[in-house]
Amino acid sequence: MKRKHIPLREKLAAALSLLLSQQDRDRLREAKHPAWFVNILFEWDHNVLHALGGTDDWWNLTPVFVKLHREKSRRDTAIVAKVKRLSGKRKRPRRRLQGRGFDKGLTRHFDGRVTPRR
């Protein structure tokens, strides 16, 4: 008799459970939590940031606990923004603010009067 196929989500949960402490892993096994319960404890972090050219290949991904990944992602967002700012690679160039063209020969006073410049 041929053995039944093991779904990928079950294999993933078994592999990810090895990142948990022995006590947590034993507790989950004893309670017989489903695979999705183990899988939602983790998010996938890019070693080389995706925004900086990193790929979605297995060798560029690391499973990280959700809370830690969110903290790291917050820091990574700031890093990516700074890299883009310093490299000058903006999607659209900034426009200079244009003044309304006040006559330089005149002076405006705090009370609103406008008189010729001396």
C-alpha atoms as a PDB file:
ATOM      1  CA  MET A   1       0.000   0.000   0.000  1.00  0.00           C
ATOM      2  CA  LYS A   2       1.312   3.423  -0.993  1.00  0.00           C
ATOM      3  CA  ARG A   3       1.761   6.064   1.698  1.00  0.00           C
ATOM      4  CA  LYS A   4      -0.543   9.109   1.606  1.00  0.00           C
ATOM      5  CA  HIS A   5       0.903  12.397   0.284  1.00  0.00           C
ATOM      6  CA  ILE A   6       1.956  14.864   3.015  1.00  0.00           C
ATOM      7  CA  PRO A   7       0.686  18.379   2.186  1.00  0.00           C
ATOM      8  CA  LEU A   8       3.266  21.149   1.906  1.00  0.00           C
ATOM      9  CA  ARG A   9       1.615  23.215   4.682  1.00  0.00           C
ATOM     10  CA  GLU A  10       2.125  20.290   7.083  1.00  0.00           C
ATOM     11  CA  LYS A  11       5.781  19.974   6.097  1.00  0.00           C
ATOM     12  CA  LEU A  12       6.238  23.735   6.497  1.00  0.00           C
ATOM     13  CA  ALA A  13       4.648  23.685   9.963  1.00  0.00           C
ATOM     14  CA  ALA A  14       6.926  20.814  11.018  1.00  0.00           C
ATOM     15  CA  ALA A  15      10.014  22.683   9.805  1.00  0.00           C
ATOM     16  CA  LEU A  16       8.972  26.002  11.374  1.00  0.00           C
ATOM     17  CA  SER A  17       8.173  24.317  14.688  1.00  0.00           C
ATOM     18  CA  LEU A  18      11.892  23.582  15.049  1.00  0.00           C
ATOM     19  CA  LEU A  19      12.442  27.329  15.492  1.00  0.00           C
ATOM     20  CA  LEU A  20      10.208  27.315  18.565  1.00  0.00           C
ATOM     21  CA  SER A  21      11.477  26.486  22.023  1.00  0.00           C
ATOM     22  CA  GLN A  22      11.156  22.836  23.027  1.00  0.00           C
ATOM     23  CA  GLN A  23       8.557  23.764  25.632  1.00  0.00           C
ATOM     24  CA  ASP A  24       6.391  25.673  23.104  1.00  0.00           C
ATOM     25  CA  ARG A  25       6.751  22.920  20.512  1.00  0.00           C
ATOM     26  CA  ASP A  26       5.711  20.246  23.011  1.00  0.00           C
ATOM     27  CA  ARG A  27       2.728  22.323  24.135  1.00  0.00           C
ATOM     28  CA  LEU A  28       1.536  22.756  20.511  1.00  0.00           C
ATOM     29  CA  ARG A  29       2.000  19.054  19.784  1.00  0.00           C
ATOM     30  CA  GLU A  30       0.154  18.033  22.938  1.00  0.00           C
ATOM     31  CA  ALA A  31      -2.775  20.300  22.019  1.00  0.00           C
ATOM     32  CA  LYS A  32      -2.603  18.958  18.430  1.00  0.00           C
ATOM     33  CA  HIS A  33      -2.889  22.426  16.923  1.00  0.00           C
ATOM     34  CA  PRO A  34      -3.374  22.428  13.131  1.00  0.00           C
ATOM     35  CA  ALA A  35      -0.556  23.360  10.754  1.00  0.00           C
ATOM     36  CA  TRP A  36      -1.986  26.788  10.012  1.00  0.00           C
ATOM     37  CA  PHE A  37      -1.670  27.683  13.707  1.00  0.00           C
ATOM     38  CA  VAL A  38       2.087  27.083  13.607  1.00  0.00           C
ATOM     39  CA  ASN A  39       2.452  28.811  10.222  1.00  0.00           C
ATOM     40  CA  ILE A  40       0.799  32.060  11.362  1.00  0.00           C
ATOM     41  CA  LEU A  41       3.391  32.484  14.114  1.00  0.00           C
ATOM     42  CA  PHE A  42       5.969  33.369  11.437  1.00  0.00           C
ATOM     43  CA  GLU A  43       6.465  35.871   8.616  1.00  0.00           C
ATOM     44  CA  TRP A  44       9.109  35.753   5.896  1.00  0.00           C
ATOM     45  CA  ASP A  45      11.934  38.282   6.009  1.00  0.00           C
ATOM     46  CA  HIS A  46      14.087  39.178   3.002  1.00  0.00           C
ATOM     47  CA  ASN A  47      17.823  38.948   3.796  1.00  0.00           C
ATOM     48  CA  VAL A  48      18.591  41.336   0.923  1.00  0.00           C
ATOM     49  CA  LEU A  49      15.723  43.805   1.068  1.00  0.00           C
ATOM     50  CA  HIS A  50      13.174  43.325  -1.683  1.00  0.00           C
ATOM     51  CA  ALA A  51      13.094  47.086  -2.367  1.00  0.00           C
ATOM     52  CA  LEU A  52      16.860  47.048  -2.932  1.00  0.00           C
ATOM     53  CA  GLY A  53      16.809  44.228  -5.469  1.00  0.00           C
ATOM     54  CA  GLY A  54      16.375  41.179  -3.257  1.00  0.00           C
ATOM     55  CA  THR A  55      14.509  38.228  -4.721  1.00  0.00           C
ATOM     56  CA  ASP A  56      11.726  36.028  -3.417  1.00  0.00           C
ATOM     57  CA  ASP A  57      13.898  32.908  -3.764  1.00  0.00           C
ATOM     58  CA  TRP A  58      14.257  30.525  -0.827  1.00  0.00           C
ATOM     59  CA  TRP A  59      17.873  31.522  -0.128  1.00  0.00           C
ATOM     60  CA  ASN A  60      16.866  35.168   0.397  1.00  0.00           C
ATOM     61  CA  LEU A  61      14.058  34.408   2.867  1.00  0.00           C
ATOM     62  CA  THR A  62      14.248  33.739   6.596  1.00  0.00           C
ATOM     63  CA  PRO A  63      11.295  32.842   8.822  1.00  0.00           C
ATOM     64  CA  VAL A  64      10.951  35.296  11.712  1.00  0.00           C
ATOM     65  CA  PHE A  65       8.383  35.629  14.488  1.00  0.00           C
ATOM     66  CA  VAL A  66       5.654  38.089  13.508  1.00  0.00           C
ATOM     67  CA  LYS A  67       6.396  40.690  16.216  1.00  0.00           C
ATOM     68  CA  LEU A  68      10.141  40.708  15.511  1.00  0.00           C
ATOM     69  CA  HIS A  69       9.545  40.918  11.760  1.00  0.00           C
ATOM     70  CA  ARG A  70       7.273  43.938  12.123  1.00  0.00           C
ATOM     71  CA  GLU A  71       9.913  45.743  14.201  1.00  0.00           C
ATOM     72  CA  LYS A  72      12.619  44.901  11.649  1.00  0.00           C
ATOM     73  CA  SER A  73      10.391  45.930   8.737  1.00  0.00           C
ATOM     74  CA  ARG A  74       9.846  49.322  10.350  1.00  0.00           C
ATOM     75  CA  ARG A  75      13.612  49.844  10.543  1.00  0.00           C
ATOM     76  CA  ASP A  76      14.089  48.498   6.996  1.00  0.00           C
ATOM     77  CA  THR A  77      11.565  50.989   5.619  1.00  0.00           C
ATOM     78  CA  ALA A  78      13.612  53.851   7.033  1.00  0.00           C
ATOM     79  CA  ILE A  79      16.793  52.377   5.539  1.00  0.00           C
ATOM     80  CA  VAL A  80      15.219  52.010   2.089  1.00  0.00           C
ATOM     81  CA  ALA A  81      13.907  55.580   2.207  1.00  0.00           C
ATOM     82  CA  LYS A  82      17.355  56.912   3.101  1.00  0.00           C
ATOM     83  CA  VAL A  83      19.070  54.893   0.357  1.00  0.00           C
ATOM     84  CA  LYS A  84      16.609  56.213  -2.226  1.00  0.00           C
ATOM     85  CA  ARG A  85      17.011  59.751  -0.919  1.00  0.00           C
ATOM     86  CA  LEU A  86      20.825  59.618  -1.052  1.00  0.00           C
ATOM     87  CA  SER A  87      20.985  57.885  -4.427  1.00  0.00           C
ATOM     88  CA  GLY A  88      18.747  60.521  -5.972  1.00  0.00           C
ATOM     89  CA  LYS A  89      16.468  57.923  -7.502  1.00  0.00           C
ATOM     90  CA  ARG A  90      13.060  59.501  -7.132  1.00  0.00           C
ATOM     91  CA  LYS A  91      10.056  58.570  -9.199  1.00  0.00           C
ATOM     92  CA  ARG A  92       9.297  62.171 -10.044  1.00  0.00           C
ATOM     93  CA  PRO A  93      11.548  65.186  -9.601  1.00  0.00           C
ATOM     94  CA  ARG A  94      10.677  67.776  -7.026  1.00  0.00           C
ATOM     95  CA  ARG A  95       9.402  71.065  -8.399  1.00  0.00           C
ATOM     96  CA  ARG A  96      10.715  74.260  -6.939  1.00  0.00           C
ATOM     97  CA  LEU A  97       8.165  76.398  -5.197  1.00  0.00           C
ATOM     98  CA  GLN A  98       7.380  79.430  -7.283  1.00  0.00           C
ATOM     99  CA  GLY A  99       6.823  82.786  -5.636  1.00  0.00           C
ATOM    100  CA  ARG A 100       4.003  85.048  -6.690  1.00  0.00           C
ATOM    101  CA  GLY A 101       6.386  87.613  -8.156  1.00  0.00           C
ATOM    102  CA  PHE A 102       6.199  90.495  -5.687  1.00  0.00           C
ATOM    103  CA  ASP A 103       7.882  93.631  -7.104  1.00  0.00           C
ATOM    104  CA  LYS A 104      11.367  93.973  -5.565  1.00  0.00           C
ATOM    105  CA  GLY A 105      11.137  97.782  -5.757  1.00  0.00           C
ATOM    106  CA  LEU A 106       8.345  97.796  -3.198  1.00  0.00           C
ATOM    107  CA  THR A 107       8.290  97.095   0.527  1.00  0.00           C
ATOM    108  CA  ARG A 108       5.365  95.527   2.374  1.00  0.00           C
ATOM    109  CA  HIS A 109       4.830  96.636   5.984  1.00  0.00           C
ATOM    110  CA  PHE A 110       3.355  94.600   8.848  1.00  0.00           C
ATOM    111  CA  ASP A 111       0.179  96.672   8.784  1.00  0.00           C
ATOM    112  CA  GLY A 112      -0.364  95.726   5.116  1.00  0.00           C
ATOM    113  CA  ARG A 113       0.803  99.014   3.495  1.00  0.00           C
ATOM    114  CA  VAL A 114       2.970  98.786   0.389  1.00  0.00           C
ATOM    115  CA  THR A 115       5.466 101.616  -0.232  1.00  0.00           C
ATOM    116  CA  PRO A 116       8.404 102.162  -2.616  1.00  0.00           C
ATOM    117  CA  ARG A 117      11.716 100.784  -1.333  1.00  0.00           C
ATOM    118  CA  ARG A 118      14.178 103.497  -0.208  1.00  0.00           C
END
